[in-house]
Amino acid sequence: MRPSLPTLWSFNGGYVDTAGFLTLHGLFTSHVTGNFVTLGAAIAYGSSGALAKLLALPVFCVVIVLTRTLGNRMRIPAWRVLESEVVLMIFLLSSAAAIAIAQGPFANGDGPAALTTGMILIAAMAIQNSASRIHLPKAPPTTIMTGTTTQLMIDISDLATGKLAPEARSVVLQRLGAMAVAVTSFGLRCAVAAFGFINFKLEVFLLPPLVAAVTLVAVVAERERPDETQPS
């Protein structure tokens, strides 16, 4: 069975986030709001990476605005816009991997090479987040699992009561399956990234562009098999 687009994105989002945190002095490249916490820690302890954490959210926001604006102005079908976004993600992830391997390990999280690597990864994850919300609005988030886990627990509790109407039960079961896959992928991606860093150091960044390439194949395959679940 082919992996779904949300599953691939969920894996890549957490993998890049974990790899970035381990190699870029605690920088979150997907869960960018988490950088507010680590920014405070960097300031309090005088550790490096404060500038990268400060820039993370603005860069993330600017890239999303640019992605949405360009997508609206491109007079092509939504599928073509999505394919273009995935191709750009592959390019960004590959560029970040090349810089990290050539210039790392990074002694200073705010050094030019580390800062460039971090912002490129953030840009790639911003595009992924934007594409996920625009083209797959019914899919669970692919980078942050707090809301997904909350809904998962609520659905399990509702099912356990046995008081749901058949129609509502069907909807909950369908949502439960999708969210369970997302949460499982989240845990797996973090473990794989940690294992990759321990064993391969900066080469840990070679996997994300490959997963993104598989994502592109999945996007093209879905376009050839239109149905009610395909991205809009």
C-alpha atoms as a PDB file:
ATOM      1  CA  MET A   1       0.000   0.000   0.000  1.00  0.00           C
ATOM      2  CA  ARG A   2       1.328   3.449  -0.925  1.00  0.00           C
ATOM      3  CA  PRO A   3       2.032   5.814   1.969  1.00  0.00           C
ATOM      4  CA  SER A   4      -0.356   8.763   2.004  1.00  0.00           C
ATOM      5  CA  LEU A   5       0.741  12.332   1.489  1.00  0.00           C
ATOM      6  CA  PRO A   6      -0.113  13.358   5.099  1.00  0.00           C
ATOM      7  CA  THR A   7       1.872  10.392   6.449  1.00  0.00           C
ATOM      8  CA  LEU A   8       4.939  11.295   4.395  1.00  0.00           C
ATOM      9  CA  TRP A   9       4.691  14.937   5.409  1.00  0.00           C
ATOM     10  CA  SER A  10       4.124  13.998   9.030  1.00  0.00           C
ATOM     11  CA  PHE A  11       7.257  11.847   8.991  1.00  0.00           C
ATOM     12  CA  ASN A  12       9.381  14.513   7.311  1.00  0.00           C
ATOM     13  CA  GLY A  13       8.124  17.344   9.491  1.00  0.00           C
ATOM     14  CA  GLY A  14       9.070  15.687  12.753  1.00  0.00           C
ATOM     15  CA  TYR A  15      12.278  14.216  11.378  1.00  0.00           C
ATOM     16  CA  VAL A  16      13.503  17.643  10.237  1.00  0.00           C
ATOM     17  CA  ASP A  17      12.383  19.189  13.526  1.00  0.00           C
ATOM     18  CA  THR A  18      14.283  16.619  15.592  1.00  0.00           C
ATOM     19  CA  ALA A  19      17.386  16.707  13.383  1.00  0.00           C
ATOM     20  CA  GLY A  20      17.404  20.497  13.481  1.00  0.00           C
ATOM     21  CA  PHE A  21      17.047  20.562  17.247  1.00  0.00           C
ATOM     22  CA  LEU A  22      19.958  18.139  17.674  1.00  0.00           C
ATOM     23  CA  THR A  23      22.338  19.805  15.208  1.00  0.00           C
ATOM     24  CA  LEU A  24      21.395  23.499  15.327  1.00  0.00           C
ATOM     25  CA  HIS A  25      21.641  24.208  19.050  1.00  0.00           C
ATOM     26  CA  GLY A  26      18.030  23.565  19.941  1.00  0.00           C
ATOM     27  CA  LEU A  27      16.362  25.203  16.914  1.00  0.00           C
ATOM     28  CA  PHE A  28      12.861  23.960  16.118  1.00  0.00           C
ATOM     29  CA  THR A  29      12.447  24.051  12.345  1.00  0.00           C
ATOM     30  CA  SER A  30       8.827  22.834  12.189  1.00  0.00           C
ATOM     31  CA  HIS A  31       7.309  23.597  15.589  1.00  0.00           C
ATOM     32  CA  VAL A  32       8.594  27.176  15.317  1.00  0.00           C
ATOM     33  CA  THR A  33       6.624  28.610  18.235  1.00  0.00           C
ATOM     34  CA  GLY A  34       8.576  26.276  20.493  1.00  0.00           C
ATOM     35  CA  ASN A  35      11.579  28.472  19.786  1.00  0.00           C
ATOM     36  CA  PHE A  36      10.185  31.076  22.168  1.00  0.00           C
ATOM     37  CA  VAL A  37      10.898  28.671  25.022  1.00  0.00           C
ATOM     38  CA  THR A  38      14.366  27.745  23.824  1.00  0.00           C
ATOM     39  CA  LEU A  39      15.091  31.423  23.107  1.00  0.00           C
ATOM     40  CA  GLY A  40      14.451  32.190  26.761  1.00  0.00           C
ATOM     41  CA  ALA A  41      16.744  29.340  27.765  1.00  0.00           C
ATOM     42  CA  ALA A  42      19.469  30.564  25.382  1.00  0.00           C
ATOM     43  CA  ILE A  43      19.277  34.053  26.841  1.00  0.00           C
ATOM     44  CA  ALA A  44      19.201  32.814  30.430  1.00  0.00           C
ATOM     45  CA  TYR A  45      22.164  30.468  30.006  1.00  0.00           C
ATOM     46  CA  GLY A  46      24.082  32.593  27.518  1.00  0.00           C
ATOM     47  CA  SER A  47      24.178  29.754  24.990  1.00  0.00           C
ATOM     48  CA  SER A  48      24.323  30.222  21.226  1.00  0.00           C
ATOM     49  CA  GLY A  49      21.405  30.088  18.810  1.00  0.00           C
ATOM     50  CA  ALA A  50      19.399  33.023  20.181  1.00  0.00           C
ATOM     51  CA  LEU A  51      19.388  34.885  16.861  1.00  0.00           C
ATOM     52  CA  ALA A  52      18.229  31.823  14.928  1.00  0.00           C
ATOM     53  CA  LYS A  53      15.396  31.250  17.388  1.00  0.00           C
ATOM     54  CA  LEU A  54      14.413  34.917  17.182  1.00  0.00           C
ATOM     55  CA  LEU A  55      14.288  34.807  13.374  1.00  0.00           C
ATOM     56  CA  ALA A  56      12.471  31.471  13.148  1.00  0.00           C
ATOM     57  CA  LEU A  57       8.876  32.702  13.437  1.00  0.00           C
ATOM     58  CA  PRO A  58       9.242  35.781  11.171  1.00  0.00           C
ATOM     59  CA  VAL A  59      10.932  33.693   8.467  1.00  0.00           C
ATOM     60  CA  PHE A  60       8.264  31.011   8.806  1.00  0.00           C
ATOM     61  CA  CYS A  61       5.470  33.591   8.463  1.00  0.00           C
ATOM     62  CA  VAL A  62       7.055  35.423   5.515  1.00  0.00           C
ATOM     63  CA  VAL A  63       7.541  32.175   3.581  1.00  0.00           C
ATOM     64  CA  ILE A  64       3.913  31.153   4.145  1.00  0.00           C
ATOM     65  CA  VAL A  65       2.674  34.560   2.933  1.00  0.00           C
ATOM     66  CA  LEU A  66       4.901  34.359  -0.158  1.00  0.00           C
ATOM     67  CA  THR A  67       3.838  30.766  -0.859  1.00  0.00           C
ATOM     68  CA  ARG A  68       0.148  31.632  -0.622  1.00  0.00           C
ATOM     69  CA  THR A  69       0.523  34.818  -2.682  1.00  0.00           C
ATOM     70  CA  LEU A  70       2.461  33.121  -5.468  1.00  0.00           C
ATOM     71  CA  GLY A  71       0.034  30.201  -5.472  1.00  0.00           C
ATOM     72  CA  ASN A  72      -2.902  32.580  -5.891  1.00  0.00           C
ATOM     73  CA  ARG A  73      -1.199  34.364  -8.774  1.00  0.00           C
ATOM     74  CA  MET A  74      -0.197  31.233 -10.663  1.00  0.00           C
ATOM     75  CA  ARG A  75      -2.854  30.622 -13.316  1.00  0.00           C
ATOM     76  CA  ILE A  76      -2.530  26.857 -13.164  1.00  0.00           C
ATOM     77  CA  PRO A  77      -4.574  24.074 -11.508  1.00  0.00           C
ATOM     78  CA  ALA A  78      -4.212  23.536  -7.768  1.00  0.00           C
ATOM     79  CA  TRP A  79      -2.434  20.227  -8.395  1.00  0.00           C
ATOM     80  CA  ARG A  80       0.257  21.991 -10.388  1.00  0.00           C
ATOM     81  CA  VAL A  81       0.715  24.520  -7.594  1.00  0.00           C
ATOM     82  CA  LEU A  82       1.131  21.672  -5.114  1.00  0.00           C
ATOM     83  CA  GLU A  83       3.650  19.921  -7.331  1.00  0.00           C
ATOM     84  CA  SER A  84       5.639  23.157  -7.658  1.00  0.00           C
ATOM     85  CA  GLU A  85       5.657  23.561  -3.882  1.00  0.00           C
ATOM     86  CA  VAL A  86       6.929  20.015  -3.362  1.00  0.00           C
ATOM     87  CA  VAL A  87       9.691  20.532  -5.941  1.00  0.00           C
ATOM     88  CA  LEU A  88      10.742  23.685  -4.080  1.00  0.00           C
ATOM     89  CA  MET A  89      10.752  21.739  -0.798  1.00  0.00           C
ATOM     90  CA  ILE A  90      13.049  19.124  -2.340  1.00  0.00           C
ATOM     91  CA  PHE A  91      15.423  21.869  -3.487  1.00  0.00           C
ATOM     92  CA  LEU A  92      15.454  23.569  -0.063  1.00  0.00           C
ATOM     93  CA  LEU A  93      15.937  20.341   1.889  1.00  0.00           C
ATOM     94  CA  SER A  94      18.738  19.279  -0.446  1.00  0.00           C
ATOM     95  CA  SER A  95      20.435  22.664  -0.106  1.00  0.00           C
ATOM     96  CA  ALA A  96      20.229  22.519   3.687  1.00  0.00           C
ATOM     97  CA  ALA A  97      21.695  19.012   3.684  1.00  0.00           C
ATOM     98  CA  ALA A  98      24.569  20.100   1.442  1.00  0.00           C
ATOM     99  CA  ILE A  99      25.433  23.087   3.645  1.00  0.00           C
ATOM    100  CA  ALA A 100      25.135  21.088   6.878  1.00  0.00           C
ATOM    101  CA  ILE A 101      27.365  18.271   5.653  1.00  0.00           C
ATOM    102  CA  ALA A 102      29.941  20.641   4.143  1.00  0.00           C
ATOM    103  CA  GLN A 103      30.068  23.141   7.014  1.00  0.00           C
ATOM    104  CA  GLY A 104      29.001  21.216  10.112  1.00  0.00           C
ATOM    105  CA  PRO A 105      29.145  20.379  12.894  1.00  0.00           C
ATOM    106  CA  PHE A 106      28.170  23.857  14.036  1.00  0.00           C
ATOM    107  CA  ALA A 107      30.028  25.224  17.036  1.00  0.00           C
ATOM    108  CA  ASN A 108      27.831  28.330  17.059  1.00  0.00           C
ATOM    109  CA  GLY A 109      24.109  28.174  16.385  1.00  0.00           C
ATOM    110  CA  ASP A 110      24.165  31.761  15.130  1.00  0.00           C
ATOM    111  CA  GLY A 111      27.164  31.327  12.807  1.00  0.00           C
ATOM    112  CA  PRO A 112      26.540  32.031   9.108  1.00  0.00           C
ATOM    113  CA  ALA A 113      26.441  28.386   8.024  1.00  0.00           C
ATOM    114  CA  ALA A 114      24.231  27.235  10.918  1.00  0.00           C
ATOM    115  CA  LEU A 115      21.914  30.225  10.530  1.00  0.00           C
ATOM    116  CA  THR A 116      21.580  29.648   6.789  1.00  0.00           C
ATOM    117  CA  THR A 117      20.900  25.935   7.272  1.00  0.00           C
ATOM    118  CA  GLY A 118      18.280  26.608   9.918  1.00  0.00           C
ATOM    119  CA  MET A 119      16.423  29.263   7.920  1.00  0.00           C
ATOM    120  CA  ILE A 120      16.383  27.073   4.796  1.00  0.00           C
ATOM    121  CA  LEU A 121      14.902  24.197   6.798  1.00  0.00           C
ATOM    122  CA  ILE A 122      12.327  26.531   8.331  1.00  0.00           C
ATOM    123  CA  ALA A 123      11.398  27.772   4.851  1.00  0.00           C
ATOM    124  CA  ALA A 124      10.921  24.183   3.663  1.00  0.00           C
ATOM    125  CA  MET A 125       8.714  23.334   6.630  1.00  0.00           C
ATOM    126  CA  ALA A 126       6.731  26.561   6.178  1.00  0.00           C
ATOM    127  CA  ILE A 127       5.942  25.515   2.608  1.00  0.00           C
ATOM    128  CA  GLN A 128       4.930  22.059   3.835  1.00  0.00           C
ATOM    129  CA  ASN A 129       2.661  23.509   6.524  1.00  0.00           C
ATOM    130  CA  SER A 130       1.080  25.914   4.069  1.00  0.00           C
ATOM    131  CA  ALA A 131       0.562  23.221   1.415  1.00  0.00           C
ATOM    132  CA  SER A 132      -0.926  20.872   3.990  1.00  0.00           C
ATOM    133  CA  ARG A 133      -3.488  23.409   5.191  1.00  0.00           C
ATOM    134  CA  ILE A 134      -4.407  24.584   1.677  1.00  0.00           C
ATOM    135  CA  HIS A 135      -4.436  21.345  -0.296  1.00  0.00           C
ATOM    136  CA  LEU A 136      -5.261  18.795   2.429  1.00  0.00           C
ATOM    137  CA  PRO A 137      -7.543  20.717   4.812  1.00  0.00           C
ATOM    138  CA  LYS A 138      -9.193  17.561   6.159  1.00  0.00           C
ATOM    139  CA  ALA A 139      -5.898  15.858   7.047  1.00  0.00           C
ATOM    140  CA  PRO A 140      -4.388  16.120  10.563  1.00  0.00           C
ATOM    141  CA  PRO A 141      -1.539  18.619  11.057  1.00  0.00           C
ATOM    142  CA  THR A 142       1.804  17.233   9.897  1.00  0.00           C
ATOM    143  CA  THR A 143       4.164  18.969  12.318  1.00  0.00           C
ATOM    144  CA  ILE A 144       2.417  19.631  15.645  1.00  0.00           C
ATOM    145  CA  MET A 145       0.727  16.770  17.468  1.00  0.00           C
ATOM    146  CA  THR A 146      -0.716  18.448  20.588  1.00  0.00           C
ATOM    147  CA  GLY A 147      -4.091  19.237  19.023  1.00  0.00           C
ATOM    148  CA  THR A 148      -4.165  15.916  17.198  1.00  0.00           C
ATOM    149  CA  THR A 149      -3.446  13.963  20.385  1.00  0.00           C
ATOM    150  CA  THR A 150      -6.143  15.907  22.259  1.00  0.00           C
ATOM    151  CA  GLN A 151      -8.741  15.114  19.600  1.00  0.00           C
ATOM    152  CA  LEU A 152      -7.570  11.497  19.529  1.00  0.00           C
ATOM    153  CA  MET A 153      -8.197  11.115  23.264  1.00  0.00           C
ATOM    154  CA  ILE A 154     -11.593  12.847  22.981  1.00  0.00           C
ATOM    155  CA  ASP A 155     -12.644  10.500  20.169  1.00  0.00           C
ATOM    156  CA  ILE A 156     -11.514   7.425  22.115  1.00  0.00           C
ATOM    157  CA  SER A 157     -13.530   8.612  25.123  1.00  0.00           C
ATOM    158  CA  ASP A 158     -16.613   9.248  22.982  1.00  0.00           C
ATOM    159  CA  LEU A 159     -16.353   5.811  21.390  1.00  0.00           C
ATOM    160  CA  ALA A 160     -15.944   4.188  24.800  1.00  0.00           C
ATOM    161  CA  THR A 161     -19.289   5.610  25.983  1.00  0.00           C
ATOM    162  CA  GLY A 162     -21.117   3.734  23.212  1.00  0.00           C
ATOM    163  CA  LYS A 163     -23.628   6.576  22.962  1.00  0.00           C
ATOM    164  CA  LEU A 164     -22.662   7.924  19.556  1.00  0.00           C
ATOM    165  CA  ALA A 165     -25.186   7.755  16.741  1.00  0.00           C
ATOM    166  CA  PRO A 166     -24.150   5.435  13.873  1.00  0.00           C
ATOM    167  CA  GLU A 167     -23.401   8.372  11.552  1.00  0.00           C
ATOM    168  CA  ALA A 168     -21.339  10.174  14.189  1.00  0.00           C
ATOM    169  CA  ARG A 169     -19.542   6.943  15.087  1.00  0.00           C
ATOM    170  CA  SER A 170     -18.539   6.436  11.460  1.00  0.00           C
ATOM    171  CA  VAL A 171     -17.101   9.956  11.264  1.00  0.00           C
ATOM    172  CA  VAL A 172     -15.204   9.533  14.543  1.00  0.00           C
ATOM    173  CA  LEU A 173     -13.749   6.179  13.506  1.00  0.00           C
ATOM    174  CA  GLN A 174     -12.519   7.602  10.212  1.00  0.00           C
ATOM    175  CA  ARG A 175     -10.930  10.584  11.956  1.00  0.00           C
ATOM    176  CA  LEU A 176      -9.485   8.338  14.654  1.00  0.00           C
ATOM    177  CA  GLY A 177      -7.691   6.201  12.087  1.00  0.00           C
ATOM    178  CA  ALA A 178      -6.137   9.178  10.328  1.00  0.00           C
ATOM    179  CA  MET A 179      -4.997  10.757  13.578  1.00  0.00           C
ATOM    180  CA  ALA A 180      -3.597   7.500  14.949  1.00  0.00           C
ATOM    181  CA  VAL A 181      -1.426   7.192  11.842  1.00  0.00           C
ATOM    182  CA  ALA A 182      -0.276  10.814  12.252  1.00  0.00           C
ATOM    183  CA  VAL A 183       0.674  10.364  15.913  1.00  0.00           C
ATOM    184  CA  THR A 184       2.432   7.053  15.202  1.00  0.00           C
ATOM    185  CA  SER A 185       4.374   8.666  12.368  1.00  0.00           C
ATOM    186  CA  PHE A 186       5.293  11.521  14.705  1.00  0.00           C
ATOM    187  CA  GLY A 187       6.868   9.182  17.238  1.00  0.00           C
ATOM    188  CA  LEU A 188       8.603   7.150  14.553  1.00  0.00           C
ATOM    189  CA  ARG A 189      10.103  10.172  12.819  1.00  0.00           C
ATOM    190  CA  CYS A 190      11.583  11.514  16.051  1.00  0.00           C
ATOM    191  CA  ALA A 191      13.161   8.158  16.866  1.00  0.00           C
ATOM    192  CA  VAL A 192      14.559   7.743  13.355  1.00  0.00           C
ATOM    193  CA  ALA A 193      16.046  11.252  13.389  1.00  0.00           C
ATOM    194  CA  ALA A 194      17.692  10.653  16.766  1.00  0.00           C
ATOM    195  CA  PHE A 195      19.084   7.328  15.572  1.00  0.00           C
ATOM    196  CA  GLY A 196      20.332   8.953  12.391  1.00  0.00           C
ATOM    197  CA  PHE A 197      22.082  11.730  14.280  1.00  0.00           C
ATOM    198  CA  ILE A 198      23.777   9.316  16.678  1.00  0.00           C
ATOM    199  CA  ASN A 199      25.087   7.167  13.855  1.00  0.00           C
ATOM    200  CA  PHE A 200      25.542   9.533  10.929  1.00  0.00           C
ATOM    201  CA  LYS A 201      25.849  13.043  12.443  1.00  0.00           C
ATOM    202  CA  LEU A 202      25.194  15.723   9.781  1.00  0.00           C
ATOM    203  CA  GLU A 203      24.389  13.096   7.150  1.00  0.00           C
ATOM    204  CA  VAL A 204      21.109  12.826   9.029  1.00  0.00           C
ATOM    205  CA  PHE A 205      19.852  15.554   6.667  1.00  0.00           C
ATOM    206  CA  LEU A 206      20.175  13.338   3.587  1.00  0.00           C
ATOM    207  CA  LEU A 207      16.886  11.569   4.275  1.00  0.00           C
ATOM    208  CA  PRO A 208      14.386  14.494   4.178  1.00  0.00           C
ATOM    209  CA  PRO A 209      14.940  15.385   0.490  1.00  0.00           C
ATOM    210  CA  LEU A 210      14.508  11.721  -0.401  1.00  0.00           C
ATOM    211  CA  VAL A 211      11.224  11.545   1.503  1.00  0.00           C
ATOM    212  CA  ALA A 212      10.154  14.779  -0.194  1.00  0.00           C
ATOM    213  CA  ALA A 213      10.939  13.173  -3.557  1.00  0.00           C
ATOM    214  CA  VAL A 214       8.683  10.244  -2.634  1.00  0.00           C
ATOM    215  CA  THR A 215       6.080  12.852  -1.712  1.00  0.00           C
ATOM    216  CA  LEU A 216       6.293  14.278  -5.222  1.00  0.00           C
ATOM    217  CA  VAL A 217       5.717  10.813  -6.661  1.00  0.00           C
ATOM    218  CA  ALA A 218       2.678  10.461  -4.377  1.00  0.00           C
ATOM    219  CA  VAL A 219       1.322  13.833  -5.489  1.00  0.00           C
ATOM    220  CA  VAL A 220       1.617  12.883  -9.164  1.00  0.00           C
ATOM    221  CA  ALA A 221       0.046   9.478  -8.484  1.00  0.00           C
ATOM    222  CA  GLU A 222      -2.902  11.075  -6.709  1.00  0.00           C
ATOM    223  CA  ARG A 223      -3.414  13.465  -9.618  1.00  0.00           C
ATOM    224  CA  GLU A 224      -3.698  10.465 -11.914  1.00  0.00           C
ATOM    225  CA  ARG A 225      -6.240   8.872  -9.568  1.00  0.00           C
ATOM    226  CA  PRO A 226      -8.767  11.639  -8.792  1.00  0.00           C
ATOM    227  CA  ASP A 227     -11.337  11.007  -6.124  1.00  0.00           C
ATOM    228  CA  GLU A 228     -13.025  12.803  -3.279  1.00  0.00           C
ATOM    229  CA  THR A 229      -9.953  12.579  -1.035  1.00  0.00           C
ATOM    230  CA  GLN A 230      -7.443  14.227  -3.358  1.00  0.00           C
ATOM    231  CA  PRO A 231      -6.050  17.677  -2.532  1.00  0.00           C
ATOM    232  CA  SER A 232      -8.085  20.610  -3.690  1.00  0.00           C
END
